[in-house]
Amino acid sequence: MDGRDWNLFLQPYEQAVEELKVKFKTMRVELKIRESYAPIEFVTGRVKRISSILEKAKRLNVPSDQLDTGIEDIAGIRIMCQFVDDIHRVASLIRTRKDLSLVYEKDYITNFKDSGYRSYHMIVEYPVQTALGYKIVLAEIQIRTLAMNFWATIEHSLNYKFKESLPDDVRNRLKKAAEAAAQLDSEMTNIRKEILDAQTEFEEQSNVVSKVLSGIQDLYFYHRVREAAQFQMKFNEQFEKEDYQGLSQLSLDIQAAIGKAKKANQS
């Protein structure tokens, strides 16, 4: 076992993972606001376990004093997308960022592995501020669809169980499953417009319901109990009938009532 202080060694990588997670989540929120659609579904991250670092170093013949340059995925970020096209959009956005430097990319979607593994990898250099100054750490950003990630997670678990020596029948079944996942991604891309339209409609309906209920609570705050109760009854009727056009108008009426309540409260 390496005798180094592993907590101290891994700390910059843990910091890099946390900072990158926040930045990509913020990117998701901003794109959602700007374009009403974000190519990022969600973001996760992890720092490689010590045992995995040592095993990989042994497999790649990386000297113990060169782990920070020889092992590129000690810090790992995973970005999940709904569609394959989203992966390329996210990769393009990452290339233009000024807070990290792209080292190289691996396109395992166009050139998927023999096992069936599909993903898009970007190795980046990311600066973290430590107590002793800036330190550049390597991080791997994996960009996948949900289907790709599901397959990769199962494959990783099976490889761990069989110590990287999968039985032939399991390997063949995994390849078929990878092809099925790829076909699913392809089909989802083909019906992308219908999916996005349905998601947009659902969000708009959800937002109008939230706005109406929030407005009713505001009227209670201004002691407009009778008005609030009347609006609540109208909401119940229209929500029961799934009359979202009526709920949109109701939201406007509530906002007008709130405006009057504010003026009355100020006078």
Protein backbone atom coordinates (compact mmCIF):
# COMPACT_ATOMS: atom_id res chain seq x y z
CA MET A 1 0.00 0.00 0.00
CA ASP A 2 1.24 3.46 -0.91
CA GLY A 3 2.40 5.27 2.24
CA ARG A 4 1.26 8.75 1.20
CA ASP A 5 -1.36 10.82 3.05
CA TRP A 6 -4.32 9.89 0.85
CA ASN A 7 -6.70 12.40 2.43
CA LEU A 8 -4.32 15.21 1.52
CA PHE A 9 -3.68 13.78 -1.95
CA LEU A 10 -7.38 13.39 -2.80
CA GLN A 11 -8.57 16.70 -1.33
CA PRO A 12 -7.96 18.78 -4.52
CA TYR A 13 -9.85 16.16 -6.55
CA GLU A 14 -12.78 16.26 -4.14
CA GLN A 15 -12.80 20.05 -4.44
CA ALA A 16 -12.67 19.86 -8.23
CA VAL A 17 -15.61 17.43 -8.32
CA GLU A 18 -17.77 19.61 -6.06
CA GLU A 19 -16.97 22.80 -7.98
CA LEU A 20 -17.58 21.23 -11.40
CA LYS A 21 -20.87 19.71 -10.24
CA VAL A 22 -22.07 23.15 -9.14
CA LYS A 23 -20.94 24.76 -12.39
CA PHE A 24 -22.65 22.24 -14.66
CA LYS A 25 -25.83 22.32 -12.57
CA THR A 26 -25.77 26.11 -12.88
CA MET A 27 -25.31 25.72 -16.64
CA ARG A 28 -28.40 23.53 -16.71
CA VAL A 29 -30.48 26.13 -14.87
CA GLU A 30 -29.28 28.98 -17.08
CA LEU A 31 -29.99 27.10 -20.31
CA LYS A 32 -33.42 26.19 -18.99
CA ILE A 33 -34.17 29.89 -18.40
CA ARG A 34 -32.68 31.09 -21.69
CA GLU A 35 -33.99 28.40 -24.02
CA SER A 36 -36.82 26.70 -22.08
CA TYR A 37 -34.88 23.46 -22.54
CA ALA A 38 -31.63 22.22 -21.03
CA PRO A 39 -29.59 19.48 -22.74
CA ILE A 40 -28.40 18.43 -19.27
CA GLU A 41 -30.77 16.14 -17.39
CA PHE A 42 -28.69 15.85 -14.21
CA VAL A 43 -25.08 15.83 -13.01
CA THR A 44 -23.21 13.50 -10.67
CA GLY A 45 -19.59 13.23 -9.61
CA ARG A 46 -17.19 11.07 -7.66
CA VAL A 47 -13.57 10.74 -6.61
CA LYS A 48 -12.02 7.38 -7.47
CA ARG A 49 -11.51 5.02 -4.56
CA ILE A 50 -7.94 4.47 -3.38
CA SER A 51 -8.09 0.76 -4.24
CA SER A 52 -9.29 1.59 -7.77
CA ILE A 53 -6.50 4.15 -8.22
CA LEU A 54 -3.85 1.64 -7.19
CA GLU A 55 -5.34 -1.11 -9.36
CA LYS A 56 -5.43 1.16 -12.39
CA ALA A 57 -1.90 2.41 -11.75
CA LYS A 58 -0.70 -1.19 -11.65
CA ARG A 59 -2.57 -2.07 -14.84
CA LEU A 60 -1.18 0.97 -16.71
CA ASN A 61 2.30 0.78 -15.15
CA VAL A 62 1.97 4.28 -13.69
CA PRO A 63 4.68 5.01 -11.07
CA SER A 64 3.37 5.94 -7.62
CA ASP A 65 4.89 9.42 -7.89
CA GLN A 66 3.06 10.11 -11.18
CA LEU A 67 -0.52 9.29 -10.21
CA ASP A 68 -1.69 12.88 -10.66
CA THR A 69 -0.66 12.86 -14.33
CA GLY A 70 -0.88 9.16 -15.16
CA ILE A 71 -4.41 8.52 -13.88
CA GLU A 72 -6.79 10.90 -15.66
CA ASP A 73 -10.09 9.99 -13.99
CA ILE A 74 -9.36 10.32 -10.27
CA ALA A 75 -11.89 13.15 -10.41
CA GLY A 76 -14.96 12.11 -12.41
CA ILE A 77 -18.01 14.06 -13.53
CA ARG A 78 -20.97 12.40 -15.23
CA ILE A 79 -23.47 14.47 -17.19
CA MET A 80 -26.71 12.75 -18.18
CA CYS A 81 -28.73 13.82 -21.23
CA GLN A 82 -32.07 12.77 -22.71
CA PHE A 83 -30.94 12.60 -26.33
CA VAL A 84 -27.74 11.78 -28.21
CA ASP A 85 -27.84 15.22 -29.88
CA ASP A 86 -27.74 16.76 -26.41
CA ILE A 87 -24.41 15.06 -25.73
CA HIS A 88 -22.77 16.88 -28.63
CA ARG A 89 -24.35 20.18 -27.53
CA VAL A 90 -22.98 19.79 -24.00
CA ALA A 91 -19.54 18.83 -25.32
CA SER A 92 -19.55 21.95 -27.49
CA LEU A 93 -20.43 24.13 -24.49
CA ILE A 94 -17.63 22.59 -22.43
CA ARG A 95 -15.08 23.28 -25.18
CA THR A 96 -15.81 27.03 -24.96
CA ARG A 97 -15.42 27.32 -21.18
CA LYS A 98 -12.56 29.47 -19.85
CA ASP A 99 -12.46 27.94 -16.35
CA LEU A 100 -10.99 24.63 -17.58
CA SER A 101 -8.70 23.43 -20.35
CA LEU A 102 -9.58 20.56 -22.66
CA VAL A 103 -6.80 17.99 -22.95
CA TYR A 104 -8.48 15.55 -25.34
CA GLU A 105 -11.77 13.82 -26.14
CA LYS A 106 -12.84 10.22 -26.65
CA ASP A 107 -15.97 9.61 -28.72
CA TYR A 108 -17.21 6.18 -27.67
CA ILE A 109 -20.59 6.88 -29.25
CA THR A 110 -19.47 7.00 -32.86
CA ASN A 111 -16.66 4.54 -32.12
CA PHE A 112 -18.18 2.40 -29.41
CA LYS A 113 -16.13 -0.27 -27.66
CA ASP A 114 -16.29 -3.95 -28.57
CA SER A 115 -18.19 -4.57 -25.34
CA GLY A 116 -20.94 -2.23 -26.55
CA TYR A 117 -19.96 0.60 -24.21
CA ARG A 118 -21.09 4.01 -25.43
CA SER A 119 -20.25 7.36 -23.85
CA TYR A 120 -18.51 10.65 -24.65
CA HIS A 121 -15.41 11.39 -22.57
CA MET A 122 -13.59 14.68 -22.15
CA ILE A 123 -10.34 14.89 -20.19
CA VAL A 124 -9.84 18.38 -18.79
CA GLU A 125 -7.39 20.26 -16.62
CA TYR A 126 -9.14 22.14 -13.86
CA PRO A 127 -7.47 24.62 -11.44
CA VAL A 128 -8.38 24.44 -7.77
CA GLN A 129 -7.34 26.90 -5.10
CA THR A 130 -5.59 25.07 -2.26
CA ALA A 131 -4.06 26.44 0.94
CA LEU A 132 -0.70 26.48 -0.86
CA GLY A 133 -1.96 28.08 -4.09
CA TYR A 134 -3.44 26.88 -7.36
CA LYS A 135 -3.16 23.22 -8.32
CA ILE A 136 -4.10 21.88 -11.74
CA VAL A 137 -5.90 18.54 -11.51
CA LEU A 138 -7.05 16.24 -14.27
CA ALA A 139 -10.74 15.34 -14.41
CA GLU A 140 -12.77 13.12 -16.70
CA ILE A 141 -16.18 14.32 -17.84
CA GLN A 142 -18.44 11.54 -19.12
CA ILE A 143 -21.50 12.61 -21.10
CA ARG A 144 -24.18 9.96 -21.67
CA THR A 145 -27.83 9.41 -22.34
CA LEU A 146 -29.88 7.76 -19.62
CA ALA A 147 -29.94 4.52 -21.63
CA MET A 148 -26.14 4.53 -22.05
CA ASN A 149 -25.68 5.14 -18.34
CA PHE A 150 -28.04 2.34 -17.35
CA TRP A 151 -26.13 -0.13 -19.53
CA ALA A 152 -22.70 1.09 -18.35
CA THR A 153 -23.71 0.84 -14.70
CA ILE A 154 -24.82 -2.78 -15.11
CA GLU A 155 -21.73 -3.67 -17.14
CA HIS A 156 -19.45 -2.12 -14.49
CA SER A 157 -21.15 -4.13 -11.75
CA LEU A 158 -20.78 -7.38 -13.70
CA ASN A 159 -17.13 -6.68 -14.47
CA TYR A 160 -16.52 -6.11 -10.76
CA LYS A 161 -18.25 -9.40 -9.91
CA PHE A 162 -16.32 -11.42 -12.50
CA LYS A 163 -13.01 -9.58 -12.01
CA GLU A 164 -12.99 -8.21 -15.58
CA SER A 165 -13.37 -11.77 -17.00
CA LEU A 166 -16.98 -11.94 -18.08
CA PRO A 167 -18.26 -15.34 -19.23
CA ASP A 168 -18.87 -15.43 -22.99
CA ASP A 169 -22.64 -15.84 -22.65
CA VAL A 170 -22.86 -12.79 -20.36
CA ARG A 171 -20.61 -10.78 -22.67
CA ASN A 172 -22.79 -11.63 -25.69
CA ARG A 173 -25.99 -10.76 -23.86
CA LEU A 174 -24.48 -7.45 -22.79
CA LYS A 175 -23.60 -6.64 -26.39
CA LYS A 176 -27.19 -7.30 -27.44
CA ALA A 177 -28.42 -5.13 -24.58
CA ALA A 178 -26.07 -2.33 -25.70
CA GLU A 179 -27.52 -2.55 -29.22
CA ALA A 180 -31.03 -2.38 -27.80
CA ALA A 181 -30.10 0.69 -25.73
CA ALA A 182 -28.64 2.33 -28.85
CA GLN A 183 -31.85 1.60 -30.78
CA LEU A 184 -33.85 3.12 -27.94
CA ASP A 185 -31.75 6.30 -28.08
CA SER A 186 -32.21 6.43 -31.84
CA GLU A 187 -35.98 6.05 -31.57
CA MET A 188 -36.19 8.68 -28.83
CA THR A 189 -34.27 11.07 -31.08
CA ASN A 190 -36.73 10.41 -33.91
CA ILE A 191 -39.70 11.37 -31.72
CA ARG A 192 -37.81 14.11 -29.91
CA LYS A 193 -40.19 16.93 -30.91
CA GLU A 194 -43.22 15.09 -29.55
CA ILE A 195 -41.39 14.31 -26.30
CA LEU A 196 -40.23 17.89 -25.80
CA ASP A 197 -43.67 19.29 -26.65
CA ALA A 198 -45.24 16.98 -24.06
CA GLN A 199 -42.64 17.96 -21.44
CA THR A 200 -43.14 21.65 -22.16
CA GLU A 201 -46.92 21.32 -21.88
CA PHE A 202 -46.59 19.46 -18.58
CA GLU A 203 -44.25 22.12 -17.15
CA GLU A 204 -46.52 24.94 -18.27
CA GLN A 205 -49.49 23.26 -16.63
CA SER A 206 -47.52 22.62 -13.46
CA ASN A 207 -46.33 26.23 -13.36
CA VAL A 208 -49.81 27.69 -13.75
CA VAL A 209 -51.14 25.46 -10.94
CA SER A 210 -48.30 26.57 -8.66
CA LYS A 211 -48.84 30.22 -9.56
CA VAL A 212 -52.57 30.04 -8.82
CA LEU A 213 -52.11 28.36 -5.45
CA SER A 214 -49.31 30.75 -4.51
CA GLY A 215 -51.52 33.70 -5.46
CA ILE A 216 -54.36 32.40 -3.30
CA GLN A 217 -51.95 32.19 -0.36
CA ASP A 218 -50.89 35.79 -1.02
CA LEU A 219 -54.51 36.90 -0.81
CA TYR A 220 -54.82 35.22 2.59
CA PHE A 221 -51.67 37.12 3.63
CA TYR A 222 -53.42 40.39 2.71
CA HIS A 223 -56.48 39.23 4.71
CA ARG A 224 -58.62 38.92 1.56
CA VAL A 225 -60.14 35.74 2.95
CA ARG A 226 -63.40 35.91 1.03
CA GLU A 227 -61.70 36.52 -2.32
CA ALA A 228 -59.15 33.78 -1.61
CA ALA A 229 -61.92 31.30 -0.81
CA GLN A 230 -63.78 32.18 -4.01
CA PHE A 231 -60.66 31.76 -6.10
CA GLN A 232 -59.97 28.43 -4.36
CA MET A 233 -63.43 27.17 -5.36
CA LYS A 234 -62.83 28.24 -8.97
CA PHE A 235 -59.45 26.55 -8.93
CA ASN A 236 -60.95 23.30 -7.63
CA GLU A 237 -63.57 23.31 -10.39
CA GLN A 238 -61.14 24.06 -13.22
CA PHE A 239 -58.45 21.71 -11.94
CA GLU A 240 -61.01 18.90 -11.72
CA LYS A 241 -61.97 19.53 -15.37
CA GLU A 242 -58.27 19.93 -16.37
CA ASP A 243 -59.18 23.33 -17.81
CA TYR A 244 -55.68 24.78 -17.97
CA GLN A 245 -56.73 27.64 -20.22
CA GLY A 246 -59.24 28.62 -17.56
CA LEU A 247 -56.55 28.25 -14.88
CA SER A 248 -54.29 30.61 -16.84
CA GLN A 249 -57.04 33.23 -16.87
CA LEU A 250 -57.69 32.55 -13.18
CA SER A 251 -54.02 33.22 -12.47
CA LEU A 252 -54.30 36.61 -14.19
CA ASP A 253 -57.43 37.44 -12.18
CA ILE A 254 -55.66 36.50 -8.96
CA GLN A 255 -52.66 38.66 -9.80
CA ALA A 256 -55.01 41.59 -10.46
CA ALA A 257 -56.66 41.00 -7.08
CA ILE A 258 -53.26 40.90 -5.40
CA GLY A 259 -52.35 44.20 -7.04
CA LYS A 260 -55.48 45.81 -5.65
CA ALA A 261 -54.79 44.32 -2.21
CA LYS A 262 -51.29 45.78 -2.20
CA LYS A 263 -52.57 49.25 -3.09
CA ALA A 264 -55.24 49.05 -0.39
CA ASN A 265 -52.66 47.92 2.12
CA GLN A 266 -50.40 50.89 1.29
CA SER A 267 -53.14 53.51 1.59
